[in-house]
Amino acid sequence: TASFMKTISESDVYLFAGITGDNNPAHINQIEAEKGAFKG
């Protein structure tokens, strides 16, 4: 076995969105995400 641990930050998500172009509001828009299934 092997493992790796990381705390996911807001900047991690924004950088990933910028790199991939996946700007889904579920990831980058708090107001819209609060209306969704995960409430944030």
All heavy atoms as atom14 arrays in JSON, in Angstrom:
{
  "sequence": "TASFMKTISESDVYLFAGITGDNNPAHINQIEAEKGAFKG",
  "atom14_mask": [
    [1, 1, 1, 1, 1, 1, 1, 0, 0, 0, 0, 0, 0, 0],
    [1, 1, 1, 1, 1, 0, 0, 0, 0, 0, 0, 0, 0, 0],
    [1, 1, 1, 1, 1, 1, 0, 0, 0, 0, 0, 0, 0, 0],
    [1, 1, 1, 1, 1, 1, 1, 1, 1, 1, 1, 0, 0, 0],
    [1, 1, 1, 1, 1, 1, 1, 1, 0, 0, 0, 0, 0, 0],
    [1, 1, 1, 1, 1, 1, 1, 1, 1, 0, 0, 0, 0, 0],
    [1, 1, 1, 1, 1, 1, 1, 0, 0, 0, 0, 0, 0, 0],
    [1, 1, 1, 1, 1, 1, 1, 1, 0, 0, 0, 0, 0, 0],
    [1, 1, 1, 1, 1, 1, 0, 0, 0, 0, 0, 0, 0, 0],
    [1, 1, 1, 1, 1, 1, 1, 1, 1, 0, 0, 0, 0, 0],
    [1, 1, 1, 1, 1, 1, 0, 0, 0, 0, 0, 0, 0, 0],
    [1, 1, 1, 1, 1, 1, 1, 1, 0, 0, 0, 0, 0, 0],
    [1, 1, 1, 1, 1, 1, 1, 0, 0, 0, 0, 0, 0, 0],
    [1, 1, 1, 1, 1, 1, 1, 1, 1, 1, 1, 1, 0, 0],
    [1, 1, 1, 1, 1, 1, 1, 1, 0, 0, 0, 0, 0, 0],
    [1, 1, 1, 1, 1, 1, 1, 1, 1, 1, 1, 0, 0, 0],
    [1, 1, 1, 1, 1, 0, 0, 0, 0, 0, 0, 0, 0, 0],
    [1, 1, 1, 1, 0, 0, 0, 0, 0, 0, 0, 0, 0, 0],
    [1, 1, 1, 1, 1, 1, 1, 1, 0, 0, 0, 0, 0, 0],
    [1, 1, 1, 1, 1, 1, 1, 0, 0, 0, 0, 0, 0, 0],
    [1, 1, 1, 1, 0, 0, 0, 0, 0, 0, 0, 0, 0, 0],
    [1, 1, 1, 1, 1, 1, 1, 1, 0, 0, 0, 0, 0, 0],
    [1, 1, 1, 1, 1, 1, 1, 1, 0, 0, 0, 0, 0, 0],
    [1, 1, 1, 1, 1, 1, 1, 1, 0, 0, 0, 0, 0, 0],
    [1, 1, 1, 1, 1, 1, 1, 0, 0, 0, 0, 0, 0, 0],
    [1, 1, 1, 1, 1, 0, 0, 0, 0, 0, 0, 0, 0, 0],
    [1, 1, 1, 1, 1, 1, 1, 1, 1, 1, 0, 0, 0, 0],
    [1, 1, 1, 1, 1, 1, 1, 1, 0, 0, 0, 0, 0, 0],
    [1, 1, 1, 1, 1, 1, 1, 1, 0, 0, 0, 0, 0, 0],
    [1, 1, 1, 1, 1, 1, 1, 1, 1, 0, 0, 0, 0, 0],
    [1, 1, 1, 1, 1, 1, 1, 1, 0, 0, 0, 0, 0, 0],
    [1, 1, 1, 1, 1, 1, 1, 1, 1, 0, 0, 0, 0, 0],
    [1, 1, 1, 1, 1, 0, 0, 0, 0, 0, 0, 0, 0, 0],
    [1, 1, 1, 1, 1, 1, 1, 1, 1, 0, 0, 0, 0, 0],
    [1, 1, 1, 1, 1, 1, 1, 1, 1, 0, 0, 0, 0, 0],
    [1, 1, 1, 1, 0, 0, 0, 0, 0, 0, 0, 0, 0, 0],
    [1, 1, 1, 1, 1, 0, 0, 0, 0, 0, 0, 0, 0, 0],
    [1, 1, 1, 1, 1, 1, 1, 1, 1, 1, 1, 0, 0, 0],
    [1, 1, 1, 1, 1, 1, 1, 1, 1, 0, 0, 0, 0, 0],
    [1, 1, 1, 1, 0, 0, 0, 0, 0, 0, 0, 0, 0, 0]
  ],
  "atom14_positions": [
    [[0.84, -1.2, 0.0], [0.0, 0.0, 0.0], [0.87, 1.25, 0.0], [2.05, 1.21, 0.37], [-0.92, 0.06, 1.23], [-0.12, 0.2, 2.4], [-1.82, -1.14, 1.33], [0.0, 0.0, 0.0], [0.0, 0.0, 0.0], [0.0, 0.0, 0.0], [0.0, 0.0, 0.0], [0.0, 0.0, 0.0], [0.0, 0.0, 0.0], [0.0, 0.0, 0.0]],
    [[0.26, 2.35, -0.4], [0.87, 3.67, -0.28], [-0.26, 4.68, -0.23], [-1.37, 4.42, -0.72], [1.8, 3.96, -1.46], [0.0, 0.0, 0.0], [0.0, 0.0, 0.0], [0.0, 0.0, 0.0], [0.0, 0.0, 0.0], [0.0, 0.0, 0.0], [0.0, 0.0, 0.0], [0.0, 0.0, 0.0], [0.0, 0.0, 0.0], [0.0, 0.0, 0.0]],
    [[0.02, 5.84, 0.36], [-1.03, 6.84, 0.47], [-0.45, 8.25, 0.38], [0.76, 8.46, 0.48], [-1.79, 6.67, 1.79], [-0.92, 6.79, 2.89], [0.0, 0.0, 0.0], [0.0, 0.0, 0.0], [0.0, 0.0, 0.0], [0.0, 0.0, 0.0], [0.0, 0.0, 0.0], [0.0, 0.0, 0.0], [0.0, 0.0, 0.0], [0.0, 0.0, 0.0]],
    [[-1.36, 9.2, 0.21], [-1.03, 10.62, 0.12], [-2.2, 11.39, 0.7], [-3.35, 11.06, 0.43], [-0.81, 11.01, -1.35], [-0.6, 12.48, -1.58], [0.58, 13.1, -1.21], [-1.59, 13.24, -2.18], [0.77, 14.46, -1.44], [-1.42, 14.59, -2.41], [-0.23, 15.2, -2.04], [0.0, 0.0, 0.0], [0.0, 0.0, 0.0], [0.0, 0.0, 0.0]],
    [[-1.92, 12.41, 1.5], [-2.98, 13.18, 2.16], [-2.87, 14.65, 1.75], [-1.76, 15.2, 1.69], [-2.86, 13.05, 3.67], [-3.94, 13.75, 4.45], [-3.67, 13.7, 6.25], [-3.72, 11.95, 6.57], [0.0, 0.0, 0.0], [0.0, 0.0, 0.0], [0.0, 0.0, 0.0], [0.0, 0.0, 0.0], [0.0, 0.0, 0.0], [0.0, 0.0, 0.0]],
    [[-4.03, 15.27, 1.49], [-4.05, 16.69, 1.13], [-5.37, 17.31, 1.58], [-6.43, 16.7, 1.43], [-3.92, 16.84, -0.38], [-4.01, 18.3, -0.84], [-3.61, 18.49, -2.26], [-3.69, 19.91, -2.73], [-3.29, 20.95, -1.83], [0.0, 0.0, 0.0], [0.0, 0.0, 0.0], [0.0, 0.0, 0.0], [0.0, 0.0, 0.0], [0.0, 0.0, 0.0]],
    [[-5.29, 18.54, 2.09], [-6.49, 19.3, 2.39], [-6.83, 20.11, 1.15], [-5.98, 20.84, 0.62], [-6.26, 20.22, 3.6], [-5.93, 19.41, 4.74], [-7.51, 21.04, 3.91], [0.0, 0.0, 0.0], [0.0, 0.0, 0.0], [0.0, 0.0, 0.0], [0.0, 0.0, 0.0], [0.0, 0.0, 0.0], [0.0, 0.0, 0.0], [0.0, 0.0, 0.0]],
    [[-8.07, 19.98, 0.68], [-8.52, 20.64, -0.55], [-8.9, 22.08, -0.23], [-9.8, 22.33, 0.58], [-9.72, 19.89, -1.16], [-9.36, 18.41, -1.44], [-10.21, 20.6, -2.43], [-8.22, 18.19, -2.39], [0.0, 0.0, 0.0], [0.0, 0.0, 0.0], [0.0, 0.0, 0.0], [0.0, 0.0, 0.0], [0.0, 0.0, 0.0], [0.0, 0.0, 0.0]],
    [[-8.23, 23.01, -0.88], [-8.48, 24.42, -0.64], [-9.31, 25.03, -1.77], [-9.44, 24.46, -2.85], [-7.15, 25.18, -0.52], [-6.51, 25.23, -1.79], [0.0, 0.0, 0.0], [0.0, 0.0, 0.0], [0.0, 0.0, 0.0], [0.0, 0.0, 0.0], [0.0, 0.0, 0.0], [0.0, 0.0, 0.0], [0.0, 0.0, 0.0], [0.0, 0.0, 0.0]],
    [[-9.83, 26.21, -1.5], [-10.55, 26.95, -2.52], [-9.64, 27.23, -3.71], [-10.05, 27.09, -4.87], [-11.08, 28.26, -1.93], [-11.9, 29.09, -2.9], [-12.49, 30.32, -2.25], [-11.83, 30.92, -1.36], [-13.61, 30.69, -2.63], [0.0, 0.0, 0.0], [0.0, 0.0, 0.0], [0.0, 0.0, 0.0], [0.0, 0.0, 0.0], [0.0, 0.0, 0.0]],
    [[-8.39, 27.57, -3.45], [-7.48, 27.86, -4.56], [-7.19, 26.61, -5.38], [-7.03, 26.7, -6.61], [-6.19, 28.51, -4.07], [-5.48, 27.67, -3.2], [0.0, 0.0, 0.0], [0.0, 0.0, 0.0], [0.0, 0.0, 0.0], [0.0, 0.0, 0.0], [0.0, 0.0, 0.0], [0.0, 0.0, 0.0], [0.0, 0.0, 0.0], [0.0, 0.0, 0.0]],
    [[-7.13, 25.43, -4.76], [-6.96, 24.18, -5.52], [-8.08, 24.04, -6.54], [-7.85, 23.7, -7.71], [-6.98, 22.95, -4.6], [-5.8, 22.85, -3.67], [-4.69, 23.3, -4.05], [-5.99, 22.31, -2.56], [0.0, 0.0, 0.0], [0.0, 0.0, 0.0], [0.0, 0.0, 0.0], [0.0, 0.0, 0.0], [0.0, 0.0, 0.0], [0.0, 0.0, 0.0]],
    [[-9.3, 24.28, -6.1], [-10.47, 24.12, -6.96], [-10.46, 25.16, -8.08], [-10.72, 24.83, -9.25], [-11.78, 24.16, -6.14], [-13.0, 24.16, -7.04], [-11.82, 22.98, -5.16], [0.0, 0.0, 0.0], [0.0, 0.0, 0.0], [0.0, 0.0, 0.0], [0.0, 0.0, 0.0], [0.0, 0.0, 0.0], [0.0, 0.0, 0.0], [0.0, 0.0, 0.0]],
    [[-10.15, 26.4, -7.74], [-10.11, 27.45, -8.77], [-8.99, 27.21, -9.78], [-9.18, 27.42, -10.98], [-9.98, 28.83, -8.13], [-11.32, 29.4, -7.73], [-11.85, 29.13, -6.48], [-12.06, 30.17, -8.61], [-13.09, 29.63, -6.1], [-13.3, 30.68, -8.25], [-13.81, 30.4, -6.99], [-15.04, 30.89, -6.64], [0.0, 0.0, 0.0], [0.0, 0.0, 0.0]],
    [[-7.84, 26.78, -9.32], [-6.75, 26.47, -10.26], [-7.14, 25.32, -11.18], [-6.89, 25.36, -12.38], [-5.47, 26.14, -9.49], [-4.77, 27.32, -8.84], [-3.69, 26.85, -7.86], [-4.16, 28.24, -9.9], [0.0, 0.0, 0.0], [0.0, 0.0, 0.0], [0.0, 0.0, 0.0], [0.0, 0.0, 0.0], [0.0, 0.0, 0.0], [0.0, 0.0, 0.0]],
    [[-7.74, 24.29, -10.62], [-8.17, 23.15, -11.42], [-9.21, 23.59, -12.45], [-9.13, 23.19, -13.62], [-8.73, 22.04, -10.51], [-8.97, 20.75, -11.23], [-7.95, 19.84, -11.42], [-10.23, 20.44, -11.73], [-8.16, 18.64, -12.08], [-10.46, 19.25, -12.39], [-9.43, 18.35, -12.57], [0.0, 0.0, 0.0], [0.0, 0.0, 0.0], [0.0, 0.0, 0.0]],
    [[-10.16, 24.41, -12.04], [-11.18, 24.92, -12.97], [-10.52, 25.7, -14.1], [-10.88, 25.57, -15.27], [-12.19, 25.79, -12.23], [0.0, 0.0, 0.0], [0.0, 0.0, 0.0], [0.0, 0.0, 0.0], [0.0, 0.0, 0.0], [0.0, 0.0, 0.0], [0.0, 0.0, 0.0], [0.0, 0.0, 0.0], [0.0, 0.0, 0.0], [0.0, 0.0, 0.0]],
    [[-9.53, 26.52, -13.76], [-8.84, 27.3, -14.78], [-8.06, 26.44, -15.75], [-8.05, 26.7, -16.96], [0.0, 0.0, 0.0], [0.0, 0.0, 0.0], [0.0, 0.0, 0.0], [0.0, 0.0, 0.0], [0.0, 0.0, 0.0], [0.0, 0.0, 0.0], [0.0, 0.0, 0.0], [0.0, 0.0, 0.0], [0.0, 0.0, 0.0], [0.0, 0.0, 0.0]],
    [[-7.41, 25.42, -15.25], [-6.62, 24.52, -16.1], [-7.52, 23.72, -17.03], [-7.23, 23.58, -18.22], [-5.75, 23.58, -15.23], [-4.65, 24.38, -14.54], [-5.16, 22.44, -16.06], [-3.97, 23.64, -13.41], [0.0, 0.0, 0.0], [0.0, 0.0, 0.0], [0.0, 0.0, 0.0], [0.0, 0.0, 0.0], [0.0, 0.0, 0.0], [0.0, 0.0, 0.0]],
    [[-8.62, 23.2, -16.49], [-9.47, 22.29, -17.28], [-10.58, 23.0, -18.04], [-11.13, 22.44, -18.98], [-10.13, 21.25, -16.37], [-10.99, 21.92, -15.44], [-9.09, 20.41, -15.64], [0.0, 0.0, 0.0], [0.0, 0.0, 0.0], [0.0, 0.0, 0.0], [0.0, 0.0, 0.0], [0.0, 0.0, 0.0], [0.0, 0.0, 0.0], [0.0, 0.0, 0.0]],
    [[-10.95, 24.21, -17.62], [-12.08, 24.89, -18.22], [-13.42, 24.46, -17.64], [-14.48, 24.91, -18.09], [0.0, 0.0, 0.0], [0.0, 0.0, 0.0], [0.0, 0.0, 0.0], [0.0, 0.0, 0.0], [0.0, 0.0, 0.0], [0.0, 0.0, 0.0], [0.0, 0.0, 0.0], [0.0, 0.0, 0.0], [0.0, 0.0, 0.0], [0.0, 0.0, 0.0]],
    [[-13.4, 23.6, -16.62], [-14.64, 23.16, -15.97], [-15.02, 24.18, -14.9], [-14.59, 24.09, -13.76], [-14.48, 21.77, -15.35], [-15.75, 21.26, -14.69], [-16.74, 22.02, -14.58], [-15.76, 20.08, -14.28], [0.0, 0.0, 0.0], [0.0, 0.0, 0.0], [0.0, 0.0, 0.0], [0.0, 0.0, 0.0], [0.0, 0.0, 0.0], [0.0, 0.0, 0.0]],
    [[-15.81, 25.16, -15.31], [-16.25, 26.24, -14.42], [-17.69, 26.03, -13.94], [-18.42, 26.99, -13.72], [-16.1, 27.58, -15.13], [-14.66, 27.9, -15.41], [-13.83, 27.88, -14.51], [-14.34, 28.16, -16.67], [0.0, 0.0, 0.0], [0.0, 0.0, 0.0], [0.0, 0.0, 0.0], [0.0, 0.0, 0.0], [0.0, 0.0, 0.0], [0.0, 0.0, 0.0]],
    [[-18.07, 24.79, -13.77], [-19.4, 24.44, -13.28], [-19.66, 25.22, -11.98], [-18.82, 25.22, -11.08], [-19.44, 22.93, -13.02], [-20.78, 22.43, -12.59], [-21.54, 23.11, -11.91], [-21.08, 21.2, -12.96], [0.0, 0.0, 0.0], [0.0, 0.0, 0.0], [0.0, 0.0, 0.0], [0.0, 0.0, 0.0], [0.0, 0.0, 0.0], [0.0, 0.0, 0.0]],
    [[-20.82, 25.89, -11.88], [-21.14, 26.64, -10.66], [-21.08, 25.8, -9.38], [-20.85, 26.35, -8.31], [-22.57, 27.14, -10.92], [-22.7, 27.17, -12.4], [-21.85, 26.03, -12.91], [0.0, 0.0, 0.0], [0.0, 0.0, 0.0], [0.0, 0.0, 0.0], [0.0, 0.0, 0.0], [0.0, 0.0, 0.0], [0.0, 0.0, 0.0], [0.0, 0.0, 0.0]],
    [[-21.24, 24.5, -9.49], [-21.14, 23.64, -8.31], [-19.76, 23.74, -7.66], [-19.59, 23.45, -6.48], [-21.43, 22.18, -8.68], [0.0, 0.0, 0.0], [0.0, 0.0, 0.0], [0.0, 0.0, 0.0], [0.0, 0.0, 0.0], [0.0, 0.0, 0.0], [0.0, 0.0, 0.0], [0.0, 0.0, 0.0], [0.0, 0.0, 0.0], [0.0, 0.0, 0.0]],
    [[-18.78, 24.18, -8.46], [-17.41, 24.27, -7.97], [-16.97, 25.71, -7.66], [-16.17, 25.91, -6.76], [-16.43, 23.69, -9.0], [-16.79, 22.33, -9.46], [-16.96, 21.25, -8.61], [-17.02, 21.85, -10.71], [-17.28, 20.18, -9.32], [-17.32, 20.52, -10.59], [0.0, 0.0, 0.0], [0.0, 0.0, 0.0], [0.0, 0.0, 0.0], [0.0, 0.0, 0.0]],
    [[-17.5, 26.69, -8.39], [-16.92, 28.03, -8.28], [-17.91, 29.15, -7.91], [-17.49, 30.28, -7.73], [-16.19, 28.42, -9.58], [-17.17, 28.51, -10.76], [-15.05, 27.46, -9.89], [-16.6, 29.19, -11.97], [0.0, 0.0, 0.0], [0.0, 0.0, 0.0], [0.0, 0.0, 0.0], [0.0, 0.0, 0.0], [0.0, 0.0, 0.0], [0.0, 0.0, 0.0]],
    [[-19.19, 28.84, -7.78], [-20.17, 29.89, -7.48], [-20.96, 29.48, -6.23], [-21.88, 28.67, -6.31], [-21.09, 30.09, -8.68], [-22.05, 31.24, -8.51], [-22.65, 31.41, -7.45], [-22.22, 32.03, -9.56], [0.0, 0.0, 0.0], [0.0, 0.0, 0.0], [0.0, 0.0, 0.0], [0.0, 0.0, 0.0], [0.0, 0.0, 0.0], [0.0, 0.0, 0.0]],
    [[-20.62, 30.09, -5.1], [-21.23, 29.71, -3.83], [-22.75, 29.87, -3.85], [-23.48, 28.99, -3.4], [-20.62, 30.51, -2.68], [-21.19, 30.18, -1.31], [-20.89, 28.76, -0.85], [-19.91, 28.15, -1.25], [-21.77, 28.22, -0.01], [0.0, 0.0, 0.0], [0.0, 0.0, 0.0], [0.0, 0.0, 0.0], [0.0, 0.0, 0.0], [0.0, 0.0, 0.0]],
    [[-23.24, 30.98, -4.38], [-24.69, 31.25, -4.38], [-25.43, 30.19, -5.19], [-26.43, 29.64, -4.74], [-24.98, 32.68, -4.88], [-24.44, 33.69, -3.87], [-26.47, 32.89, -5.11], [-24.4, 35.11, -4.34], [0.0, 0.0, 0.0], [0.0, 0.0, 0.0], [0.0, 0.0, 0.0], [0.0, 0.0, 0.0], [0.0, 0.0, 0.0], [0.0, 0.0, 0.0]],
    [[-24.93, 29.91, -6.38], [-25.57, 28.88, -7.21], [-25.41, 27.49, -6.6], [-26.33, 26.68, -6.63], [-25.0, 28.91, -8.64], [-25.43, 30.12, -9.44], [-26.94, 30.25, -9.58], [-27.6, 29.24, -9.91], [-27.46, 31.35, -9.35], [0.0, 0.0, 0.0], [0.0, 0.0, 0.0], [0.0, 0.0, 0.0], [0.0, 0.0, 0.0], [0.0, 0.0, 0.0]],
    [[-24.22, 27.2, -6.05], [-23.98, 25.88, -5.46], [-24.89, 25.62, -4.27], [-25.31, 24.48, -4.04], [-22.52, 25.77, -5.05], [0.0, 0.0, 0.0], [0.0, 0.0, 0.0], [0.0, 0.0, 0.0], [0.0, 0.0, 0.0], [0.0, 0.0, 0.0], [0.0, 0.0, 0.0], [0.0, 0.0, 0.0], [0.0, 0.0, 0.0], [0.0, 0.0, 0.0]],
    [[-25.24, 26.67, -3.52], [-26.14, 26.5, -2.38], [-27.52, 26.04, -2.81], [-28.25, 25.43, -2.02], [-26.24, 27.8, -1.58], [-25.0, 28.09, -0.78], [-25.01, 29.45, -0.11], [-25.98, 30.23, -0.29], [-24.02, 29.76, 0.59], [0.0, 0.0, 0.0], [0.0, 0.0, 0.0], [0.0, 0.0, 0.0], [0.0, 0.0, 0.0], [0.0, 0.0, 0.0]],
    [[-27.9, 26.29, -4.04], [-29.19, 25.84, -4.57], [-29.16, 24.39, -5.02], [-30.2, 23.8, -5.28], [-29.59, 26.72, -5.77], [-29.76, 28.19, -5.43], [-30.02, 28.98, -6.71], [-29.99, 30.48, -6.46], [-30.09, 31.23, -7.73], [0.0, 0.0, 0.0], [0.0, 0.0, 0.0], [0.0, 0.0, 0.0], [0.0, 0.0, 0.0], [0.0, 0.0, 0.0]],
    [[-27.97, 23.82, -5.13], [-27.82, 22.46, -5.65], [-27.94, 21.39, -4.59], [-28.21, 21.65, -3.42], [0.0, 0.0, 0.0], [0.0, 0.0, 0.0], [0.0, 0.0, 0.0], [0.0, 0.0, 0.0], [0.0, 0.0, 0.0], [0.0, 0.0, 0.0], [0.0, 0.0, 0.0], [0.0, 0.0, 0.0], [0.0, 0.0, 0.0], [0.0, 0.0, 0.0]],
    [[-27.68, 20.18, -5.03], [-27.85, 19.0, -4.18], [-26.94, 19.0, -2.96], [-27.31, 18.43, -1.92], [-27.58, 17.74, -5.02], [0.0, 0.0, 0.0], [0.0, 0.0, 0.0], [0.0, 0.0, 0.0], [0.0, 0.0, 0.0], [0.0, 0.0, 0.0], [0.0, 0.0, 0.0], [0.0, 0.0, 0.0], [0.0, 0.0, 0.0], [0.0, 0.0, 0.0]],
    [[-25.77, 19.63, -3.04], [-24.81, 19.55, -1.95], [-24.79, 20.78, -1.06], [-24.01, 20.88, -0.13], [-23.42, 19.25, -2.51], [-23.38, 17.97, -3.29], [-23.12, 17.98, -4.65], [-23.66, 16.75, -2.68], [-23.11, 16.8, -5.38], [-23.65, 15.57, -3.39], [-23.38, 15.6, -4.75], [0.0, 0.0, 0.0], [0.0, 0.0, 0.0], [0.0, 0.0, 0.0]],
    [[-25.65, 21.76, -1.36], [-25.84, 22.96, -0.53], [-24.57, 23.79, -0.35], [-24.42, 24.49, 0.65], [-26.43, 22.59, 0.83], [-27.71, 21.78, 0.75], [-28.79, 22.55, 0.04], [-30.07, 21.72, -0.03], [-30.86, 22.03, -1.2], [0.0, 0.0, 0.0], [0.0, 0.0, 0.0], [0.0, 0.0, 0.0], [0.0, 0.0, 0.0], [0.0, 0.0, 0.0]],
    [[-23.66, 23.69, -1.28], [-22.43, 24.47, -1.23], [-21.47, 23.98, -2.29], [-21.72, 22.98, -2.97], [0.0, 0.0, 0.0], [0.0, 0.0, 0.0], [0.0, 0.0, 0.0], [0.0, 0.0, 0.0], [0.0, 0.0, 0.0], [0.0, 0.0, 0.0], [0.0, 0.0, 0.0], [0.0, 0.0, 0.0], [0.0, 0.0, 0.0], [0.0, 0.0, 0.0]]
  ]
}
